Each structure stands twice: as structure tokens, then as C-alpha cells.
Amino acid sequence: MSLHLVFSTSGWRSCRVRLAHADAVVLLGDGVYAAHQAEHSAVHVLEEDAHIRGIAVDAKHTLISYDELVALCTQYQPLVSWND
């Protein structure tokens, strides 16, 4: 079970072809712009980054804090960063 940290929309495009069903995704930084494209079952969006960028996140995604991001990082291995 991997945790994919997505920092850009192009990173999301690269990430989504590598996702396994049990993996989780966190959209952060400019990656929050991909929230409307992300259809994976376990997509989390860093709330502060979405708020700063004016991105509305629908109910299919989970808004998380930095503390929750740290907790996710301890639950999943490996961590994979995407920022193409």
C-alpha cells in the first residue's frame, strides 16, 4: 500500500496510471487543481492548499490537515512523490 503525494496536475496524470486499488493519494500544493480529475477511491486533499488556491472540493474527497497528512505518511509505505 503506497501513499502517492501529488504536487501538480501533470504529477496526477503520471500518478494515476501507477495507482493500485489499496493505494492512497494526497493532493497538495498545485496538485489540488487535479481534485476534479481524481476518481480514485482514496483521494485526500490538503485543506490549506485547496483554500489558498480557491479550490472547492466535493464530497468524494477527504479534506485533511497537515497533522492528518503526517498520520497518513506513517500508515503507508512506500511514499511516492509526483511533480512532473
PDB file of N, CA and C in Angstrom:
ATOM      1  N   MET A   1       0.835  -1.167   0.000  1.00  0.00           N
ATOM      2  CA  MET A   1       0.000   0.000   0.000  1.00  0.00           C
ATOM      3  C   MET A   1       0.887   1.240   0.000  1.00  0.00           C
ATOM      4  N   SER A   2       0.845   1.963  -1.101  1.00  0.00           N
ATOM      5  CA  SER A   2       1.655   3.172  -1.259  1.00  0.00           C
ATOM      6  C   SER A   2       0.819   4.415  -0.983  1.00  0.00           C
ATOM      7  N   LEU A   3       1.513   5.470  -0.571  1.00  0.00           N
ATOM      8  CA  LEU A   3       0.893   6.776  -0.451  1.00  0.00           C
ATOM      9  C   LEU A   3       1.523   7.655  -1.517  1.00  0.00           C
ATOM     10  N   HIS A   4       0.704   8.165  -2.424  1.00  0.00           N
ATOM     11  CA  HIS A   4       1.167   8.995  -3.526  1.00  0.00           C
ATOM     12  C   HIS A   4       0.934  10.460  -3.169  1.00  0.00           C
ATOM     13  N   LEU A   5       2.009  11.227  -3.128  1.00  0.00           N
ATOM     14  CA  LEU A   5       1.939  12.659  -2.838  1.00  0.00           C
ATOM     15  C   LEU A   5       2.024  13.400  -4.163  1.00  0.00           C
ATOM     16  N   VAL A   6       0.949  14.049  -4.554  1.00  0.00           N
ATOM     17  CA  VAL A   6       0.842  14.664  -5.877  1.00  0.00           C
ATOM     18  C   VAL A   6       0.913  16.178  -5.734  1.00  0.00           C
ATOM     19  N   PHE A   7       1.950  16.770  -6.349  1.00  0.00           N
ATOM     20  CA  PHE A   7       2.229  18.201  -6.214  1.00  0.00           C
ATOM     21  C   PHE A   7       1.840  19.033  -7.436  1.00  0.00           C
ATOM     22  N   SER A   8       1.306  18.419  -8.498  1.00  0.00           N
ATOM     23  CA  SER A   8       0.947  19.173  -9.708  1.00  0.00           C
ATOM     24  C   SER A   8      -0.075  18.377 -10.514  1.00  0.00           C
ATOM     25  N   THR A   9      -0.735  19.045 -11.454  1.00  0.00           N
ATOM     26  CA  THR A   9      -1.698  18.339 -12.306  1.00  0.00           C
ATOM     27  C   THR A   9      -0.991  17.355 -13.228  1.00  0.00           C
ATOM     28  N   SER A  10       0.188  17.703 -13.701  1.00  0.00           N
ATOM     29  CA  SER A  10       0.931  16.745 -14.533  1.00  0.00           C
ATOM     30  C   SER A  10       1.401  15.567 -13.681  1.00  0.00           C
ATOM     31  N   GLY A  11       1.703  15.828 -12.413  1.00  0.00           N
ATOM     32  CA  GLY A  11       2.031  14.745 -11.498  1.00  0.00           C
ATOM     33  C   GLY A  11       0.866  13.787 -11.332  1.00  0.00           C
ATOM     34  N   TRP A  12      -0.358  14.320 -11.272  1.00  0.00           N
ATOM     35  CA  TRP A  12      -1.544  13.468 -11.187  1.00  0.00           C
ATOM     36  C   TRP A  12      -1.670  12.593 -12.423  1.00  0.00           C
ATOM     37  N   ARG A  13      -1.435  13.163 -13.597  1.00  0.00           N
ATOM     38  CA  ARG A  13      -1.539  12.375 -14.832  1.00  0.00           C
ATOM     39  C   ARG A  13      -0.559  11.214 -14.808  1.00  0.00           C
ATOM     40  N   SER A  14       0.645  11.428 -14.297  1.00  0.00           N
ATOM     41  CA  SER A  14       1.640  10.351 -14.202  1.00  0.00           C
ATOM     42  C   SER A  14       1.265   9.355 -13.109  1.00  0.00           C
ATOM     43  N   CYS A  15       0.795   9.856 -12.000  1.00  0.00           N
ATOM     44  CA  CYS A  15       0.457   9.018 -10.853  1.00  0.00           C
ATOM     45  C   CYS A  15      -0.686   8.059 -11.146  1.00  0.00           C
ATOM     46  N   ARG A  16      -1.721   8.547 -11.774  1.00  0.00           N
ATOM     47  CA  ARG A  16      -2.946   7.741 -11.910  1.00  0.00           C
ATOM     48  C   ARG A  16      -2.736   6.448 -12.682  1.00  0.00           C
ATOM     49  N   VAL A  17      -1.751   6.387 -13.556  1.00  0.00           N
ATOM     50  CA  VAL A  17      -1.507   5.136 -14.288  1.00  0.00           C
ATOM     51  C   VAL A  17      -0.766   4.115 -13.438  1.00  0.00           C
ATOM     52  N   ARG A  18      -0.240   4.524 -12.282  1.00  0.00           N
ATOM     53  CA  ARG A  18       0.514   3.640 -11.392  1.00  0.00           C
ATOM     54  C   ARG A  18      -0.254   3.245 -10.133  1.00  0.00           C
ATOM     55  N   LEU A  19      -1.435   3.781  -9.944  1.00  0.00           N
ATOM     56  CA  LEU A  19      -2.192   3.533  -8.719  1.00  0.00           C
ATOM     57  C   LEU A  19      -2.691   2.104  -8.624  1.00  0.00           C
ATOM     58  N   ALA A  20      -2.519   1.528  -7.460  1.00  0.00           N
ATOM     59  CA  ALA A  20      -3.139   0.240  -7.150  1.00  0.00           C
ATOM     60  C   ALA A  20      -4.393   0.519  -6.329  1.00  0.00           C
ATOM     61  N   HIS A  21      -5.281  -0.431  -6.278  1.00  0.00           N
ATOM     62  CA  HIS A  21      -6.559  -0.241  -5.590  1.00  0.00           C
ATOM     63  C   HIS A  21      -6.385   0.125  -4.120  1.00  0.00           C
ATOM     64  N   ALA A  22      -5.420  -0.457  -3.426  1.00  0.00           N
ATOM     65  CA  ALA A  22      -5.223  -0.222  -1.993  1.00  0.00           C
ATOM     66  C   ALA A  22      -4.400   1.021  -1.686  1.00  0.00           C
ATOM     67  N   ASP A  23      -3.900   1.709  -2.709  1.00  0.00           N
ATOM     68  CA  ASP A  23      -3.090   2.912  -2.514  1.00  0.00           C
ATOM     69  C   ASP A  23      -3.964   4.105  -2.119  1.00  0.00           C
ATOM     70  N   ALA A  24      -3.318   5.096  -1.527  1.00  0.00           N
ATOM     71  CA  ALA A  24      -3.989   6.363  -1.203  1.00  0.00           C
ATOM     72  C   ALA A  24      -3.235   7.493  -1.894  1.00  0.00           C
ATOM     73  N   VAL A  25      -3.941   8.600  -2.102  1.00  0.00           N
ATOM     74  CA  VAL A  25      -3.384   9.763  -2.788  1.00  0.00           C
ATOM     75  C   VAL A  25      -3.621  10.995  -1.930  1.00  0.00           C
ATOM     76  N   VAL A  26      -2.603  11.869  -1.865  1.00  0.00           N
ATOM     77  CA  VAL A  26      -2.771  13.172  -1.260  1.00  0.00           C
ATOM     78  C   VAL A  26      -2.439  14.217  -2.310  1.00  0.00           C
ATOM     79  N   LEU A  27      -3.382  15.097  -2.571  1.00  0.00           N
ATOM     80  CA  LEU A  27      -3.158  16.221  -3.475  1.00  0.00           C
ATOM     81  C   LEU A  27      -2.747  17.413  -2.628  1.00  0.00           C
ATOM     82  N   LEU A  28      -1.579  17.992  -2.919  1.00  0.00           N
ATOM     83  CA  LEU A  28      -1.099  19.131  -2.157  1.00  0.00           C
ATOM     84  C   LEU A  28      -0.362  20.087  -3.074  1.00  0.00           C
ATOM     85  N   GLY A  29      -0.140  21.300  -2.605  1.00  0.00           N
ATOM     86  CA  GLY A  29       0.449  22.314  -3.475  1.00  0.00           C
ATOM     87  C   GLY A  29      -0.459  22.523  -4.672  1.00  0.00           C
ATOM     88  N   ASP A  30       0.146  22.685  -5.847  1.00  0.00           N
ATOM     89  CA  ASP A  30      -0.650  22.853  -7.068  1.00  0.00           C
ATOM     90  C   ASP A  30      -1.367  21.569  -7.488  1.00  0.00           C
ATOM     91  N   GLY A  31      -1.069  20.465  -6.829  1.00  0.00           N
ATOM     92  CA  GLY A  31      -1.775  19.215  -7.106  1.00  0.00           C
ATOM     93  C   GLY A  31      -3.253  19.284  -6.776  1.00  0.00           C
ATOM     94  N   VAL A  32      -3.647  20.227  -5.907  1.00  0.00           N
ATOM     95  CA  VAL A  32      -5.072  20.347  -5.571  1.00  0.00           C
ATOM     96  C   VAL A  32      -5.905  20.725  -6.794  1.00  0.00           C
ATOM     97  N   TYR A  33      -5.277  21.313  -7.810  1.00  0.00           N
ATOM     98  CA  TYR A  33      -6.013  21.643  -9.036  1.00  0.00           C
ATOM     99  C   TYR A  33      -6.512  20.384  -9.756  1.00  0.00           C
ATOM    100  N   ALA A  34      -5.949  19.218  -9.432  1.00  0.00           N
ATOM    101  CA  ALA A  34      -6.368  17.959 -10.055  1.00  0.00           C
ATOM    102  C   ALA A  34      -7.535  17.307  -9.318  1.00  0.00           C
ATOM    103  N   ALA A  35      -8.044  17.942  -8.279  1.00  0.00           N
ATOM    104  CA  ALA A  35      -9.108  17.329  -7.474  1.00  0.00           C
ATOM    105  C   ALA A  35     -10.324  16.946  -8.314  1.00  0.00           C
ATOM    106  N   HIS A  36     -10.676  17.768  -9.290  1.00  0.00           N
ATOM    107  CA  HIS A  36     -11.853  17.456 -10.113  1.00  0.00           C
ATOM    108  C   HIS A  36     -11.590  16.303 -11.078  1.00  0.00           C
ATOM    109  N   GLN A  37     -10.321  15.939 -11.288  1.00  0.00           N
ATOM    110  CA  GLN A  37      -9.959  14.832 -12.184  1.00  0.00           C
ATOM    111  C   GLN A  37      -9.763  13.516 -11.435  1.00  0.00           C
ATOM    112  N   ALA A  38      -9.513  13.589 -10.150  1.00  0.00           N
ATOM    113  CA  ALA A  38      -9.126  12.420  -9.361  1.00  0.00           C
ATOM    114  C   ALA A  38     -10.342  11.569  -9.024  1.00  0.00           C
ATOM    115  N   GLU A  39     -10.396  10.385  -9.570  1.00  0.00           N
ATOM    116  CA  GLU A  39     -11.532   9.487  -9.371  1.00  0.00           C
ATOM    117  C   GLU A  39     -11.182   8.292  -8.495  1.00  0.00           C
ATOM    118  N   HIS A  40      -9.951   8.190  -8.022  1.00  0.00           N
ATOM    119  CA  HIS A  40      -9.526   7.073  -7.186  1.00  0.00           C
ATOM    120  C   HIS A  40     -10.320   7.076  -5.878  1.00  0.00           C
ATOM    121  N   SER A  41     -10.491   5.923  -5.278  1.00  0.00           N
ATOM    122  CA  SER A  41     -11.342   5.816  -4.097  1.00  0.00           C
ATOM    123  C   SER A  41     -10.776   6.478  -2.842  1.00  0.00           C
ATOM    124  N   ALA A  42      -9.467   6.609  -2.735  1.00  0.00           N
ATOM    125  CA  ALA A  42      -8.864   7.170  -1.514  1.00  0.00           C
ATOM    126  C   ALA A  42      -8.039   8.410  -1.853  1.00  0.00           C
ATOM    127  N   VAL A  43      -8.735   9.495  -2.190  1.00  0.00           N
ATOM    128  CA  VAL A  43      -8.050  10.748  -2.509  1.00  0.00           C
ATOM    129  C   VAL A  43      -8.268  11.733  -1.363  1.00  0.00           C
ATOM    130  N   HIS A  44      -7.164  12.241  -0.847  1.00  0.00           N
ATOM    131  CA  HIS A  44      -7.187  13.238   0.213  1.00  0.00           C
ATOM    132  C   HIS A  44      -6.644  14.537  -0.366  1.00  0.00           C
ATOM    133  N   VAL A  45      -7.199  15.647   0.066  1.00  0.00           N
ATOM    134  CA  VAL A  45      -6.780  16.962  -0.421  1.00  0.00           C
ATOM    135  C   VAL A  45      -6.356  17.785   0.787  1.00  0.00           C
ATOM    136  N   LEU A  46      -5.152  18.337   0.721  1.00  0.00           N
ATOM    137  CA  LEU A  46      -4.682  19.176   1.821  1.00  0.00           C
ATOM    138  C   LEU A  46      -5.545  20.431   1.876  1.00  0.00           C
ATOM    139  N   GLU A  47      -6.280  20.575   2.961  1.00  0.00           N
ATOM    140  CA  GLU A  47      -7.289  21.631   3.086  1.00  0.00           C
ATOM    141  C   GLU A  47      -6.690  23.024   2.936  1.00  0.00           C
ATOM    142  N   GLU A  48      -5.569  23.280   3.567  1.00  0.00           N
ATOM    143  CA  GLU A  48      -4.957  24.603   3.499  1.00  0.00           C
ATOM    144  C   GLU A  48      -4.580  24.987   2.068  1.00  0.00           C
ATOM    145  N   ASP A  49      -4.023  24.031   1.322  1.00  0.00           N
ATOM    146  CA  ASP A  49      -3.628  24.318  -0.062  1.00  0.00           C
ATOM    147  C   ASP A  49      -4.842  24.554  -0.950  1.00  0.00           C
ATOM    148  N   ALA A  50      -5.910  23.789  -0.744  1.00  0.00           N
ATOM    149  CA  ALA A  50      -7.137  23.997  -1.519  1.00  0.00           C
ATOM    150  C   ALA A  50      -7.739  25.363  -1.204  1.00  0.00           C
ATOM    151  N   HIS A  51      -7.756  25.718   0.061  1.00  0.00           N
ATOM    152  CA  HIS A  51      -8.312  27.006   0.482  1.00  0.00           C
ATOM    153  C   HIS A  51      -7.521  28.173  -0.120  1.00  0.00           C
ATOM    154  N   ILE A  52      -6.204  28.105  -0.033  1.00  0.00           N
ATOM    155  CA  ILE A  52      -5.357  29.175  -0.567  1.00  0.00           C
ATOM    156  C   ILE A  52      -5.582  29.364  -2.065  1.00  0.00           C
ATOM    157  N   ARG A  53      -5.810  28.270  -2.787  1.00  0.00           N
ATOM    158  CA  ARG A  53      -5.983  28.326  -4.237  1.00  0.00           C
ATOM    159  C   ARG A  53      -7.440  28.498  -4.654  1.00  0.00           C
ATOM    160  N   GLY A  54      -8.347  28.573  -3.706  1.00  0.00           N
ATOM    161  CA  GLY A  54      -9.756  28.773  -4.022  1.00  0.00           C
ATOM    162  C   GLY A  54     -10.399  27.568  -4.670  1.00  0.00           C
ATOM    163  N   ILE A  55      -9.926  26.387  -4.346  1.00  0.00           N
ATOM    164  CA  ILE A  55     -10.449  25.155  -4.938  1.00  0.00           C
ATOM    165  C   ILE A  55     -11.534  24.579  -4.036  1.00  0.00           C
ATOM    166  N   ALA A  56     -12.702  24.365  -4.588  1.00  0.00           N
ATOM    167  CA  ALA A  56     -13.778  23.693  -3.867  1.00  0.00           C
ATOM    168  C   ALA A  56     -13.618  22.193  -4.072  1.00  0.00           C
ATOM    169  N   VAL A  57     -13.685  21.458  -2.992  1.00  0.00           N
ATOM    170  CA  VAL A  57     -13.511  20.004  -3.058  1.00  0.00           C
ATOM    171  C   VAL A  57     -14.845  19.354  -2.775  1.00  0.00           C
ATOM    172  N   ASP A  58     -15.257  18.445  -3.668  1.00  0.00           N
ATOM    173  CA  ASP A  58     -16.556  17.813  -3.465  1.00  0.00           C
ATOM    174  C   ASP A  58     -16.460  16.678  -2.444  1.00  0.00           C
ATOM    175  N   ALA A  59     -17.587  16.115  -2.108  1.00  0.00           N
ATOM    176  CA  ALA A  59     -17.691  15.145  -1.017  1.00  0.00           C
ATOM    177  C   ALA A  59     -16.968  13.826  -1.288  1.00  0.00           C
ATOM    178  N   LYS A  60     -16.619  13.542  -2.530  1.00  0.00           N
ATOM    179  CA  LYS A  60     -15.952  12.263  -2.799  1.00  0.00           C
ATOM    180  C   LYS A  60     -14.504  12.249  -2.318  1.00  0.00           C
ATOM    181  N   HIS A  61     -13.941  13.406  -2.002  1.00  0.00           N
ATOM    182  CA  HIS A  61     -12.580  13.506  -1.491  1.00  0.00           C
ATOM    183  C   HIS A  61     -12.602  13.940  -0.030  1.00  0.00           C
ATOM    184  N   THR A  62     -11.528  13.618   0.666  1.00  0.00           N
ATOM    185  CA  THR A  62     -11.409  13.965   2.074  1.00  0.00           C
ATOM    186  C   THR A  62     -10.444  15.129   2.233  1.00  0.00           C
ATOM    187  N   LEU A  63     -10.909  16.204   2.840  1.00  0.00           N
ATOM    188  CA  LEU A  63     -10.021  17.313   3.175  1.00  0.00           C
ATOM    189  C   LEU A  63      -9.242  16.935   4.425  1.00  0.00           C
ATOM    190  N   ILE A  64      -7.913  17.164   4.405  1.00  0.00           N
ATOM    191  CA  ILE A  64      -7.085  16.810   5.551  1.00  0.00           C
ATOM    192  C   ILE A  64      -6.197  17.981   5.962  1.00  0.00           C
ATOM    193  N   SER A  65      -5.772  17.951   7.207  1.00  0.00           N
ATOM    194  CA  SER A  65      -4.845  18.941   7.755  1.00  0.00           C
ATOM    195  C   SER A  65      -3.416  18.405   7.620  1.00  0.00           C
ATOM    196  N   TYR A  66      -2.450  19.243   7.965  1.00  0.00           N
ATOM    197  CA  TYR A  66      -1.060  18.785   7.964  1.00  0.00           C
ATOM    198  C   TYR A  66      -0.854  17.652   8.965  1.00  0.00           C
ATOM    199  N   ASP A  67      -1.506  17.706  10.114  1.00  0.00           N
ATOM    200  CA  ASP A  67      -1.388  16.624  11.101  1.00  0.00           C
ATOM    201  C   ASP A  67      -1.911  15.306  10.534  1.00  0.00           C
ATOM    202  N   GLU A  68      -3.008  15.376   9.803  1.00  0.00           N
ATOM    203  CA  GLU A  68      -3.559  14.165   9.189  1.00  0.00           C
ATOM    204  C   GLU A  68      -2.649  13.656   8.073  1.00  0.00           C
ATOM    205  N   LEU A  69      -1.977  14.568   7.374  1.00  0.00           N
ATOM    206  CA  LEU A  69      -1.005  14.160   6.355  1.00  0.00           C
ATOM    207  C   LEU A  69       0.131  13.373   6.998  1.00  0.00           C
ATOM    208  N   VAL A  70       0.637  13.857   8.114  1.00  0.00           N
ATOM    209  CA  VAL A  70       1.702  13.143   8.822  1.00  0.00           C
ATOM    210  C   VAL A  70       1.229  11.759   9.245  1.00  0.00           C
ATOM    211  N   ALA A  71       0.006  11.663   9.744  1.00  0.00           N
ATOM    212  CA  ALA A  71      -0.545  10.365  10.149  1.00  0.00           C
ATOM    213  C   ALA A  71      -0.623   9.414   8.963  1.00  0.00           C
ATOM    214  N   LEU A  72      -1.062   9.906   7.809  1.00  0.00           N
ATOM    215  CA  LEU A  72      -1.109   9.058   6.612  1.00  0.00           C
ATOM    216  C   LEU A  72       0.283   8.574   6.221  1.00  0.00           C
ATOM    217  N   CYS A  73       1.265   9.448   6.348  1.00  0.00           N
ATOM    218  CA  CYS A  73       2.643   9.088   5.991  1.00  0.00           C
ATOM    219  C   CYS A  73       3.183   7.970   6.873  1.00  0.00           C
ATOM    220  N   THR A  74       2.670   7.844   8.087  1.00  0.00           N
ATOM    221  CA  THR A  74       3.116   6.764   8.964  1.00  0.00           C
ATOM    222  C   THR A  74       2.366   5.460   8.706  1.00  0.00           C
ATOM    223  N   GLN A  75       1.224   5.538   8.037  1.00  0.00           N
ATOM    224  CA  GLN A  75       0.403   4.355   7.772  1.00  0.00           C
ATOM    225  C   GLN A  75       0.767   3.644   6.479  1.00  0.00           C
ATOM    226  N   TYR A  76       1.347   4.355   5.525  1.00  0.00           N
ATOM    227  CA  TYR A  76       1.615   3.790   4.201  1.00  0.00           C
ATOM    228  C   TYR A  76       3.109   3.727   3.937  1.00  0.00           C
ATOM    229  N   GLN A  77       3.519   2.698   3.233  1.00  0.00           N
ATOM    230  CA  GLN A  77       4.887   2.568   2.745  1.00  0.00           C
ATOM    231  C   GLN A  77       4.820   1.874   1.399  1.00  0.00           C
ATOM    232  N   PRO A  78       5.510   2.328   0.398  1.00  0.00           N
ATOM    233  CA  PRO A  78       6.377   3.486   0.367  1.00  0.00           C
ATOM    234  C   PRO A  78       5.583   4.764   0.104  1.00  0.00           C
ATOM    235  N   LEU A  79       6.285   5.896   0.248  1.00  0.00           N
ATOM    236  CA  LEU A  79       5.747   7.193  -0.134  1.00  0.00           C
ATOM    237  C   LEU A  79       6.316   7.536  -1.507  1.00  0.00           C
ATOM    238  N   VAL A  80       5.452   7.953  -2.412  1.00  0.00           N
ATOM    239  CA  VAL A  80       5.871   8.258  -3.775  1.00  0.00           C
ATOM    240  C   VAL A  80       5.454   9.691  -4.094  1.00  0.00           C
ATOM    241  N   SER A  81       6.398  10.514  -4.526  1.00  0.00           N
ATOM    242  CA  SER A  81       6.115  11.921  -4.877  1.00  0.00           C
ATOM    243  C   SER A  81       5.987  12.073  -6.376  1.00  0.00           C
ATOM    244  N   TRP A  82       5.001  12.864  -6.800  1.00  0.00           N
ATOM    245  CA  TRP A  82       4.750  13.126  -8.217  1.00  0.00           C
ATOM    246  C   TRP A  82       4.705  14.624  -8.453  1.00  0.00           C
ATOM    247  N   ASN A  83       5.621  15.103  -9.296  1.00  0.00           N
ATOM    248  CA  ASN A  83       5.675  16.530  -9.611  1.00  0.00           C
ATOM    249  C   ASN A  83       6.324  16.729 -10.983  1.00  0.00           C
ATOM    250  N   ASP A  84       5.790  16.118 -12.013  1.00  0.00           N
ATOM    251  CA  ASP A  84       6.376  16.238 -13.344  1.00  0.00           C
ATOM    252  C   ASP A  84       6.055  17.582 -13.927  1.00  0.00           C
TER     253      ASP A  84
END
